[in-house]
Amino acid sequence: MKLSKEEVAHLAKLSRLDLPEQKLEQMTKDFGSILEYVDSIQKVDVEGVEPFTMPSKSQGWREDVAFEADEATRELILTNFPERAGDLLAAPGVFEVPKK
């Protein structure tokens, strides 16, 4: 499956990447190669192959632990964050176009 230059430009825009024309042409070729490889992998017969399971926590997963910050650290974070409502920090949405 090949992507057109316009499709790659659209993907770049969605990813918020500013690609010059030369880079856009190279990415179009690269995406085409990647998609051809994925297509070839999808044709592999996996009948009877056991699914892969995730490794246990003892193999490198870290536990996500919340910790308390002292008042000075908390205030420093809140005062340096560009947009907030009280103690809530506002971050841009994933699919929003950033304001310039």
C-alpha atoms as a PDB file:
ATOM      1  CA  MET A   1       0.000   0.000   0.000  1.00  0.00           C
ATOM      2  CA  LYS A   2       1.440   3.310  -1.056  1.00  0.00           C
ATOM      3  CA  LEU A   3       0.527   6.656   0.424  1.00  0.00           C
ATOM      4  CA  SER A   4       0.257   9.751  -1.717  1.00  0.00           C
ATOM      5  CA  LYS A   5       2.272  12.846  -0.944  1.00  0.00           C
ATOM      6  CA  GLU A   6      -0.982  14.571   0.046  1.00  0.00           C
ATOM      7  CA  GLU A   7      -1.795  11.809   2.549  1.00  0.00           C
ATOM      8  CA  VAL A   8       1.654  12.056   4.111  1.00  0.00           C
ATOM      9  CA  ALA A   9       1.295  15.852   4.294  1.00  0.00           C
ATOM     10  CA  HIS A  10      -2.064  15.356   6.044  1.00  0.00           C
ATOM     11  CA  LEU A  11      -0.483  12.912   8.532  1.00  0.00           C
ATOM     12  CA  ALA A  12       2.319  15.409   9.170  1.00  0.00           C
ATOM     13  CA  LYS A  13      -0.233  18.145   9.847  1.00  0.00           C
ATOM     14  CA  LEU A  14      -2.152  15.900  12.260  1.00  0.00           C
ATOM     15  CA  SER A  15       1.151  15.117  13.979  1.00  0.00           C
ATOM     16  CA  ARG A  16       1.988  18.821  14.098  1.00  0.00           C
ATOM     17  CA  LEU A  17       5.125  18.310  12.024  1.00  0.00           C
ATOM     18  CA  ASP A  18       6.351  20.951   9.622  1.00  0.00           C
ATOM     19  CA  LEU A  19       7.979  18.965   6.821  1.00  0.00           C
ATOM     20  CA  PRO A  20       9.797  20.724   3.992  1.00  0.00           C
ATOM     21  CA  GLU A  21       9.079  19.464   0.457  1.00  0.00           C
ATOM     22  CA  GLN A  22      12.255  17.350   0.236  1.00  0.00           C
ATOM     23  CA  LYS A  23      11.535  15.665   3.578  1.00  0.00           C
ATOM     24  CA  LEU A  24       7.918  15.108   2.550  1.00  0.00           C
ATOM     25  CA  GLU A  25       9.036  13.181  -0.536  1.00  0.00           C
ATOM     26  CA  GLN A  26      11.416  11.042   1.556  1.00  0.00           C
ATOM     27  CA  MET A  27       8.704  10.335   4.152  1.00  0.00           C
ATOM     28  CA  THR A  28       6.319   9.284   1.374  1.00  0.00           C
ATOM     29  CA  LYS A  29       8.863   6.670   0.218  1.00  0.00           C
ATOM     30  CA  ASP A  30       9.595   5.569   3.798  1.00  0.00           C
ATOM     31  CA  PHE A  31       5.918   5.170   4.701  1.00  0.00           C
ATOM     32  CA  GLY A  32       5.394   3.141   1.537  1.00  0.00           C
ATOM     33  CA  SER A  33       8.212   0.763   2.520  1.00  0.00           C
ATOM     34  CA  ILE A  34       6.883   0.424   6.068  1.00  0.00           C
ATOM     35  CA  LEU A  35       3.350  -0.312   4.878  1.00  0.00           C
ATOM     36  CA  GLU A  36       4.620  -2.913   2.392  1.00  0.00           C
ATOM     37  CA  TYR A  37       6.522  -4.615   5.210  1.00  0.00           C
ATOM     38  CA  VAL A  38       3.455  -4.602   7.475  1.00  0.00           C
ATOM     39  CA  ASP A  39       1.410  -6.048   4.617  1.00  0.00           C
ATOM     40  CA  SER A  40       3.921  -8.886   4.213  1.00  0.00           C
ATOM     41  CA  ILE A  41       3.794  -9.609   7.961  1.00  0.00           C
ATOM     42  CA  GLN A  42      -0.007  -9.784   7.871  1.00  0.00           C
ATOM     43  CA  LYS A  43       0.244 -12.622   5.315  1.00  0.00           C
ATOM     44  CA  VAL A  44       2.205 -14.843   7.733  1.00  0.00           C
ATOM     45  CA  ASP A  45       0.248 -17.909   8.851  1.00  0.00           C
ATOM     46  CA  VAL A  46      -0.042 -17.761  12.651  1.00  0.00           C
ATOM     47  CA  GLU A  47      -2.510 -20.609  13.042  1.00  0.00           C
ATOM     48  CA  GLY A  48      -1.699 -22.473  16.249  1.00  0.00           C
ATOM     49  CA  VAL A  49       0.759 -19.874  17.557  1.00  0.00           C
ATOM     50  CA  GLU A  50       0.180 -19.000  21.201  1.00  0.00           C
ATOM     51  CA  PRO A  51      -0.425 -15.287  21.848  1.00  0.00           C
ATOM     52  CA  PHE A  52       2.326 -13.351  23.565  1.00  0.00           C
ATOM     53  CA  THR A  53       1.608 -12.355  27.158  1.00  0.00           C
ATOM     54  CA  MET A  54       2.903  -9.317  28.991  1.00  0.00           C
ATOM     55  CA  PRO A  55       5.917  -9.798  31.276  1.00  0.00           C
ATOM     56  CA  SER A  56       5.358  -9.763  34.997  1.00  0.00           C
ATOM     57  CA  LYS A  57       6.127  -6.732  37.134  1.00  0.00           C
ATOM     58  CA  SER A  58       9.346  -8.380  38.299  1.00  0.00           C
ATOM     59  CA  GLN A  59      10.734  -7.938  34.783  1.00  0.00           C
ATOM     60  CA  GLY A  60      11.148  -4.195  34.833  1.00  0.00           C
ATOM     61  CA  TRP A  61       7.708  -2.636  35.239  1.00  0.00           C
ATOM     62  CA  ARG A  62       7.682   0.119  37.803  1.00  0.00           C
ATOM     63  CA  GLU A  63       4.737   0.869  40.014  1.00  0.00           C
ATOM     64  CA  ASP A  64       3.163   4.281  39.461  1.00  0.00           C
ATOM     65  CA  VAL A  65       3.233   5.873  42.905  1.00  0.00           C
ATOM     66  CA  ALA A  66       1.677   9.228  43.721  1.00  0.00           C
ATOM     67  CA  PHE A  67       3.632  11.346  46.157  1.00  0.00           C
ATOM     68  CA  GLU A  68       2.891  14.447  48.166  1.00  0.00           C
ATOM     69  CA  ALA A  69       4.659  17.693  47.308  1.00  0.00           C
ATOM     70  CA  ASP A  70       5.395  20.311  49.921  1.00  0.00           C
ATOM     71  CA  GLU A  71       3.457  23.582  49.685  1.00  0.00           C
ATOM     72  CA  ALA A  72       6.370  25.529  48.154  1.00  0.00           C
ATOM     73  CA  THR A  73       6.802  22.989  45.332  1.00  0.00           C
ATOM     74  CA  ARG A  74       3.049  22.898  44.723  1.00  0.00           C
ATOM     75  CA  GLU A  75       2.842  26.686  44.468  1.00  0.00           C
ATOM     76  CA  LEU A  76       5.888  26.806  42.183  1.00  0.00           C
ATOM     77  CA  ILE A  77       4.254  24.334  39.784  1.00  0.00           C
ATOM     78  CA  LEU A  78       0.904  26.134  39.845  1.00  0.00           C
ATOM     79  CA  THR A  79       2.348  29.610  39.303  1.00  0.00           C
ATOM     80  CA  ASN A  80       4.519  28.451  36.367  1.00  0.00           C
ATOM     81  CA  PHE A  81       1.771  26.580  34.513  1.00  0.00           C
ATOM     82  CA  PRO A  82       0.427  28.701  31.615  1.00  0.00           C
ATOM     83  CA  GLU A  83      -3.272  27.888  31.966  1.00  0.00           C
ATOM     84  CA  ARG A  84      -5.134  26.741  35.023  1.00  0.00           C
ATOM     85  CA  ALA A  85      -8.428  26.965  36.840  1.00  0.00           C
ATOM     86  CA  GLY A  86      -7.770  26.888  40.569  1.00  0.00           C
ATOM     87  CA  ASP A  87      -5.662  23.787  41.190  1.00  0.00           C
ATOM     88  CA  LEU A  88      -6.579  22.223  37.839  1.00  0.00           C
ATOM     89  CA  LEU A  89      -3.949  22.465  35.110  1.00  0.00           C
ATOM     90  CA  ALA A  90      -5.206  22.932  31.532  1.00  0.00           C
ATOM     91  CA  ALA A  91      -3.323  21.170  28.756  1.00  0.00           C
ATOM     92  CA  PRO A  92      -4.085  21.340  25.027  1.00  0.00           C
ATOM     93  CA  GLY A  93      -6.255  18.570  23.640  1.00  0.00           C
ATOM     94  CA  VAL A  94      -4.603  15.931  21.502  1.00  0.00           C
ATOM     95  CA  PHE A  95      -6.660  16.764  18.406  1.00  0.00           C
ATOM     96  CA  GLU A  96      -6.766  20.549  18.824  1.00  0.00           C
ATOM     97  CA  VAL A  97      -4.743  22.814  16.563  1.00  0.00           C
ATOM     98  CA  PRO A  98      -2.390  24.802  18.824  1.00  0.00           C
ATOM     99  CA  LYS A  99      -2.875  28.557  19.029  1.00  0.00           C
ATOM    100  CA  LYS A 100       0.009  30.590  17.637  1.00  0.00           C
END
